Amino acid sequence: MSKKVIIASDSTCDLSPELIEHYGIRIIPLGVTLSDKSYKDGVDMDPDTIYRHYEETGELPKTAAINIDEAMAFIASLKEEGEGVVFFTISSDMSSTFQNARLAAGGFEDVHVVDSRNLSTGIGLQVLRAARLAEEGKSAAEIATECEALCDRVDASFVVDDLEFLHKGGRCSALAAFGANLLQLKPCIVVKGGKMGVDKKYRGKYGMILPKYIAERLGDGSDVEGDTVFVTHAGCDEAIVNACVEKVKSLGYFKEIHVTRAGCTISSHCGRNTLGVLFIRKNPII
């Protein structure tokens, strides 16, 4: 009989409550600071509160990595539930959470911390794969190895409607933001090599350019692994989200299409009206 393996992640995986419950995934929240008060992502802080606070004060939140003590206490609680643990974190190039979790895991046996090299449901795709492998009876070590090999095949991207949050957060110059808004340019932010960067820039109204983005991102389907795709957004209008889901459905590439709302981390960096399609490719992304 195989050992029970617990699958865990930090809160940046942006999985829906339904998926978390269905697969028994354990989540540890990142910290969020607003007006010098500390909160926990998805526990006592949510994206809509962040947006309201910004509209009222002009202040963006600060996100905080999970520290070693928090990670150690979390892992200890997981070890009470199962013999093996696979714990996913946001990319080590974006946060010190991975490093802290790895240090915390050193005092436990059969605990494997995986650097997702990604964010949002780019992590979520790996977490779901891990949960399904655990259901098949794979060991924690086998799951970690397989998911680490998956990292460079995860295609994670988002199109941002307005550069205000990126500009205020120091990730975009005032001139670039002004020019993009003036020309109605909507940048596509991609994750590559564990880091975020700008890929293509779309021009036009947000709701109109998203189907083109989806079609270009998914291509002819020949390089798409057809199990699961996420349509993940940060507070987009329901009609826009539904139109994007229908576009993905019309291509017929995926068995499962999941819609999720981005948590505090993505929302803090990119702002409202950010949407992406995230999936796994058959081949590594070069």
Protein backbone atom coordinates (compact mmCIF):
# COMPACT_ATOMS: atom_id res chain seq x y z
CA MET A 1 0.00 0.00 0.00
CA SER A 2 1.42 3.39 -1.01
CA LYS A 3 2.17 6.11 1.49
CA LYS A 4 -0.24 9.00 1.68
CA VAL A 5 1.22 12.01 -0.10
CA ILE A 6 0.04 15.53 0.72
CA ILE A 7 0.12 18.12 -2.08
CA ALA A 8 0.56 21.72 -0.94
CA SER A 9 1.20 25.16 -2.42
CA ASP A 10 1.52 28.76 -1.47
CA SER A 11 -1.51 30.92 -2.23
CA THR A 12 -0.13 32.29 -5.49
CA CYS A 13 -1.29 29.14 -7.31
CA ASP A 14 -4.72 30.83 -7.68
CA LEU A 15 -6.68 27.57 -7.71
CA SER A 16 -10.41 27.81 -7.09
CA PRO A 17 -11.85 26.71 -3.73
CA GLU A 18 -13.64 23.89 -5.58
CA LEU A 19 -10.40 22.45 -7.01
CA ILE A 20 -8.59 22.86 -3.70
CA GLU A 21 -11.33 20.98 -1.89
CA HIS A 22 -11.74 18.30 -4.55
CA TYR A 23 -8.06 17.33 -4.53
CA GLY A 24 -7.41 18.02 -0.85
CA ILE A 25 -4.68 20.55 -1.63
CA ARG A 26 -3.21 22.41 1.35
CA ILE A 27 -2.58 26.14 0.93
CA ILE A 28 -0.35 28.53 2.88
CA PRO A 29 -1.09 32.24 2.27
CA LEU A 30 1.47 34.89 1.42
CA GLY A 31 1.43 38.09 3.42
CA VAL A 32 -0.16 41.34 2.22
CA THR A 33 0.48 44.74 3.80
CA LEU A 34 -1.90 47.68 3.44
CA SER A 35 -1.46 50.91 5.44
CA ASP A 36 1.10 49.19 7.67
CA LYS A 37 -1.38 46.45 8.59
CA SER A 38 -0.58 42.84 7.79
CA TYR A 39 -3.06 40.42 6.22
CA LYS A 40 -3.06 36.95 4.67
CA ASP A 41 -3.77 36.45 0.99
CA GLY A 42 -7.20 34.86 0.56
CA VAL A 43 -7.82 34.65 4.30
CA ASP A 44 -8.53 38.20 5.46
CA MET A 45 -7.52 40.05 2.30
CA ASP A 46 -8.94 39.82 -1.23
CA PRO A 47 -8.32 41.60 -4.56
CA ASP A 48 -11.47 43.73 -4.48
CA THR A 49 -10.42 45.18 -1.13
CA ILE A 50 -7.04 46.01 -2.66
CA TYR A 51 -8.70 47.78 -5.59
CA ARG A 52 -10.98 49.79 -3.30
CA HIS A 53 -8.07 50.77 -1.10
CA TYR A 54 -6.09 51.92 -4.12
CA GLU A 55 -9.00 53.98 -5.46
CA GLU A 56 -9.40 55.68 -2.07
CA THR A 57 -5.73 56.20 -1.17
CA GLY A 58 -3.57 55.63 -4.26
CA GLU A 59 -1.58 53.10 -2.20
CA LEU A 60 -0.58 49.74 -3.61
CA PRO A 61 -0.16 46.80 -1.24
CA LYS A 62 3.11 45.08 -0.53
CA THR A 63 3.28 41.31 -0.67
CA ALA A 64 5.51 39.31 1.65
CA ALA A 65 7.11 35.91 1.23
CA ILE A 66 6.43 33.07 3.63
CA ASN A 67 9.19 33.11 6.23
CA ILE A 68 11.08 30.07 7.51
CA ASP A 69 9.11 29.77 10.75
CA GLU A 70 5.79 29.89 8.89
CA ALA A 71 7.00 27.31 6.39
CA MET A 72 8.28 25.03 9.15
CA ALA A 73 4.98 25.15 11.05
CA PHE A 74 3.07 24.50 7.81
CA ILE A 75 5.21 21.52 6.88
CA ALA A 76 4.90 20.10 10.38
CA SER A 77 1.11 20.24 10.08
CA LEU A 78 1.27 18.48 6.71
CA LYS A 79 3.44 15.71 8.11
CA GLU A 80 0.72 14.99 10.66
CA GLU A 81 -1.62 14.20 7.73
CA GLY A 82 0.67 12.21 5.46
CA GLU A 83 4.05 10.56 5.24
CA GLY A 84 5.20 12.38 2.11
CA VAL A 85 4.78 16.04 1.10
CA VAL A 86 5.20 17.87 -2.20
CA PHE A 87 5.12 21.64 -1.64
CA PHE A 88 4.99 24.07 -4.59
CA THR A 89 6.05 27.71 -4.43
CA ILE A 90 6.00 30.76 -6.66
CA SER A 91 9.13 31.14 -8.81
CA SER A 92 12.31 31.67 -6.81
CA ASP A 93 13.06 34.64 -9.10
CA MET A 94 9.92 36.39 -7.87
CA SER A 95 9.96 35.62 -4.14
CA SER A 96 12.13 34.19 -1.36
CA THR A 97 9.31 31.78 -0.46
CA PHE A 98 11.01 28.85 -2.21
CA GLN A 99 14.33 29.38 -0.46
CA ASN A 100 12.65 29.75 2.93
CA ALA A 101 10.48 26.67 2.36
CA ARG A 102 13.47 24.61 1.27
CA LEU A 103 15.39 25.59 4.40
CA ALA A 104 12.35 24.77 6.54
CA ALA A 105 11.96 21.37 4.87
CA GLY A 106 15.50 20.36 5.80
CA GLY A 107 14.36 19.15 9.19
CA PHE A 108 11.78 16.71 7.81
CA GLU A 109 11.92 13.45 5.91
CA ASP A 110 10.21 12.92 2.55
CA VAL A 111 9.32 16.60 2.05
CA HIS A 112 9.98 17.91 -1.45
CA VAL A 113 9.80 21.64 -2.18
CA VAL A 114 9.27 22.39 -5.87
CA ASP A 115 10.26 25.72 -7.39
CA SER A 116 7.43 26.11 -9.91
CA ARG A 117 9.39 28.69 -11.95
CA ASN A 118 5.99 30.25 -12.44
CA LEU A 119 3.10 32.14 -10.87
CA SER A 120 -0.69 32.03 -10.62
CA THR A 121 -2.33 29.05 -12.32
CA GLY A 122 0.98 28.35 -14.03
CA ILE A 123 1.72 26.91 -10.59
CA GLY A 124 -1.83 25.59 -10.38
CA LEU A 125 -1.30 23.39 -13.43
CA GLN A 126 1.67 21.73 -11.73
CA VAL A 127 -0.23 21.36 -8.46
CA LEU A 128 -3.14 19.65 -10.23
CA ARG A 129 -0.74 17.29 -12.01
CA ALA A 130 0.82 16.45 -8.66
CA ALA A 131 -2.57 15.80 -7.06
CA ARG A 132 -3.54 13.44 -9.86
CA LEU A 133 -0.22 11.59 -9.62
CA ALA A 134 -0.77 11.23 -5.88
CA GLU A 135 -4.17 9.67 -6.60
CA GLU A 136 -2.38 7.17 -8.87
CA GLY A 137 -0.22 6.13 -5.93
CA LYS A 138 3.05 7.77 -6.94
CA SER A 139 5.53 8.57 -4.18
CA ALA A 140 6.34 12.12 -3.12
CA ALA A 141 9.79 11.87 -4.72
CA GLU A 142 8.35 10.60 -8.01
CA ILE A 143 5.73 13.37 -8.07
CA ALA A 144 8.29 16.09 -7.35
CA THR A 145 10.62 14.81 -10.07
CA GLU A 146 7.88 14.63 -12.69
CA CYS A 147 6.54 18.10 -11.84
CA GLU A 148 9.99 19.68 -11.85
CA ALA A 149 10.43 18.32 -15.37
CA LEU A 150 7.10 19.94 -16.26
CA CYS A 151 8.18 23.48 -15.32
CA ASP A 152 9.57 24.53 -18.70
CA ARG A 153 6.44 23.32 -20.53
CA VAL A 154 3.97 25.49 -18.62
CA ASP A 155 2.73 28.35 -20.80
CA ALA A 156 1.65 31.23 -18.56
CA SER A 157 0.71 34.63 -19.95
CA PHE A 158 -1.66 37.52 -19.23
CA VAL A 159 -2.87 40.53 -21.16
CA VAL A 160 -3.05 43.72 -19.13
CA ASP A 161 -5.65 46.35 -19.97
CA ASP A 162 -4.11 49.28 -18.08
CA LEU A 163 -0.49 49.79 -17.04
CA GLU A 164 -1.31 51.89 -13.98
CA PHE A 165 -0.54 49.21 -11.38
CA LEU A 166 2.63 48.11 -13.20
CA HIS A 167 3.75 51.73 -13.39
CA LYS A 168 2.95 52.53 -9.76
CA GLY A 169 4.68 49.33 -8.69
CA GLY A 170 7.88 50.35 -10.46
CA ARG A 171 7.66 47.75 -13.20
CA CYS A 172 6.93 50.14 -16.05
CA SER A 173 8.16 53.68 -16.75
CA ALA A 174 5.76 56.63 -16.79
CA LEU A 175 6.60 57.29 -20.44
CA ALA A 176 5.92 53.70 -21.46
CA ALA A 177 2.65 53.69 -19.56
CA PHE A 178 1.55 56.97 -21.09
CA GLY A 179 2.44 55.85 -24.61
CA ALA A 180 0.73 52.50 -24.22
CA ASN A 181 -2.47 54.04 -22.87
CA LEU A 182 -2.48 56.73 -25.56
CA LEU A 183 -2.13 54.14 -28.32
CA GLN A 184 -4.47 51.65 -26.62
CA LEU A 185 -1.65 49.10 -26.39
CA LYS A 186 -2.32 46.06 -24.22
CA PRO A 187 0.90 44.21 -23.34
CA CYS A 188 1.04 40.44 -23.04
CA ILE A 189 3.05 39.53 -19.93
CA VAL A 190 4.68 36.11 -20.19
CA VAL A 191 6.59 33.95 -17.72
CA LYS A 192 9.80 32.55 -19.15
CA GLY A 193 12.72 31.11 -17.26
CA GLY A 194 11.00 31.86 -13.99
CA LYS A 195 10.72 35.58 -14.71
CA MET A 196 8.03 37.92 -16.07
CA GLY A 197 8.59 39.81 -19.31
CA VAL A 198 6.66 41.56 -22.06
CA ASP A 199 5.90 39.61 -25.22
CA LYS A 200 3.55 40.97 -27.85
CA LYS A 201 1.59 44.22 -27.51
CA TYR A 202 -1.98 44.23 -28.76
CA ARG A 203 -3.73 47.36 -29.94
CA GLY A 204 -7.42 48.11 -29.49
CA LYS A 205 -10.19 47.76 -26.95
CA TYR A 206 -9.51 45.14 -24.31
CA GLY A 207 -12.51 42.90 -24.94
CA MET A 208 -11.85 42.92 -28.67
CA ILE A 209 -8.19 41.89 -28.61
CA LEU A 210 -8.48 38.98 -26.16
CA PRO A 211 -9.86 36.43 -28.69
CA LYS A 212 -6.90 37.21 -30.96
CA TYR A 213 -4.50 36.74 -28.05
CA ILE A 214 -6.10 33.37 -27.21
CA ALA A 215 -5.98 32.16 -30.81
CA GLU A 216 -2.34 33.15 -31.20
CA ARG A 217 -1.30 31.69 -27.87
CA LEU A 218 -2.91 28.31 -28.50
CA GLY A 219 -2.07 28.17 -32.19
CA ASP A 220 -3.20 25.12 -34.15
CA GLY A 221 -3.17 22.94 -31.05
CA SER A 222 -0.28 20.77 -32.22
CA ASP A 223 1.90 21.79 -29.25
CA VAL A 224 -0.89 21.83 -26.66
CA GLU A 225 -1.26 19.15 -24.02
CA GLY A 226 -5.02 18.78 -24.00
CA ASP A 227 -5.86 17.91 -20.40
CA THR A 228 -6.41 21.26 -18.68
CA VAL A 229 -6.46 24.98 -19.41
CA PHE A 230 -7.07 27.87 -17.05
CA VAL A 231 -8.73 31.14 -17.93
CA THR A 232 -7.52 33.25 -15.02
CA HIS A 233 -8.50 36.88 -14.54
CA ALA A 234 -8.18 39.74 -12.09
CA GLY A 235 -11.67 41.17 -11.80
CA CYS A 236 -12.62 41.29 -15.48
CA ASP A 237 -16.20 41.91 -16.59
CA GLU A 238 -18.17 38.67 -16.64
CA ALA A 239 -19.09 39.09 -20.31
CA ILE A 240 -15.41 39.38 -21.25
CA VAL A 241 -14.50 36.28 -19.24
CA ASN A 242 -17.38 34.30 -20.77
CA ALA A 243 -16.37 35.34 -24.28
CA CYS A 244 -12.83 34.15 -23.64
CA VAL A 245 -14.04 30.82 -22.29
CA GLU A 246 -16.22 30.36 -25.37
CA LYS A 247 -13.24 31.14 -27.59
CA VAL A 248 -11.17 28.46 -25.84
CA LYS A 249 -14.06 25.99 -26.07
CA SER A 250 -14.50 26.66 -29.78
CA LEU A 251 -10.94 25.49 -30.46
CA GLY A 252 -11.71 22.09 -28.93
CA TYR A 253 -8.23 21.41 -27.61
CA PHE A 254 -8.93 20.76 -23.92
CA LYS A 255 -10.80 18.22 -21.83
CA GLU A 256 -11.14 20.63 -18.89
CA ILE A 257 -11.50 24.42 -18.88
CA HIS A 258 -11.30 26.06 -15.46
CA VAL A 259 -12.07 29.70 -14.73
CA THR A 260 -10.29 31.17 -11.73
CA ARG A 261 -9.93 34.58 -10.13
CA ALA A 262 -6.38 35.76 -9.52
CA GLY A 263 -5.47 36.28 -5.89
CA CYS A 264 -3.81 39.20 -4.17
CA THR A 265 -0.33 38.73 -5.64
CA ILE A 266 -1.25 38.97 -9.33
CA SER A 267 -3.91 41.57 -8.58
CA SER A 268 -1.41 43.73 -6.70
CA HIS A 269 1.07 43.69 -9.57
CA CYS A 270 -1.14 43.89 -12.65
CA GLY A 271 -4.38 45.45 -11.43
CA ARG A 272 -7.97 44.95 -12.48
CA ASN A 273 -8.74 43.79 -16.04
CA THR A 274 -5.92 41.31 -16.46
CA LEU A 275 -6.70 37.98 -18.12
CA GLY A 276 -4.68 35.02 -19.28
CA VAL A 277 -4.89 31.52 -20.69
CA LEU A 278 -2.51 29.09 -18.98
CA PHE A 279 -1.83 25.56 -20.17
CA ILE A 280 0.88 22.95 -20.66
CA ARG A 281 2.75 22.51 -23.92
CA LYS A 282 4.00 19.21 -25.29
CA ASN A 283 7.48 20.63 -25.75
CA PRO A 284 9.71 22.86 -23.62
CA ILE A 285 9.30 26.60 -24.14
CA ILE A 286 12.53 27.99 -25.57
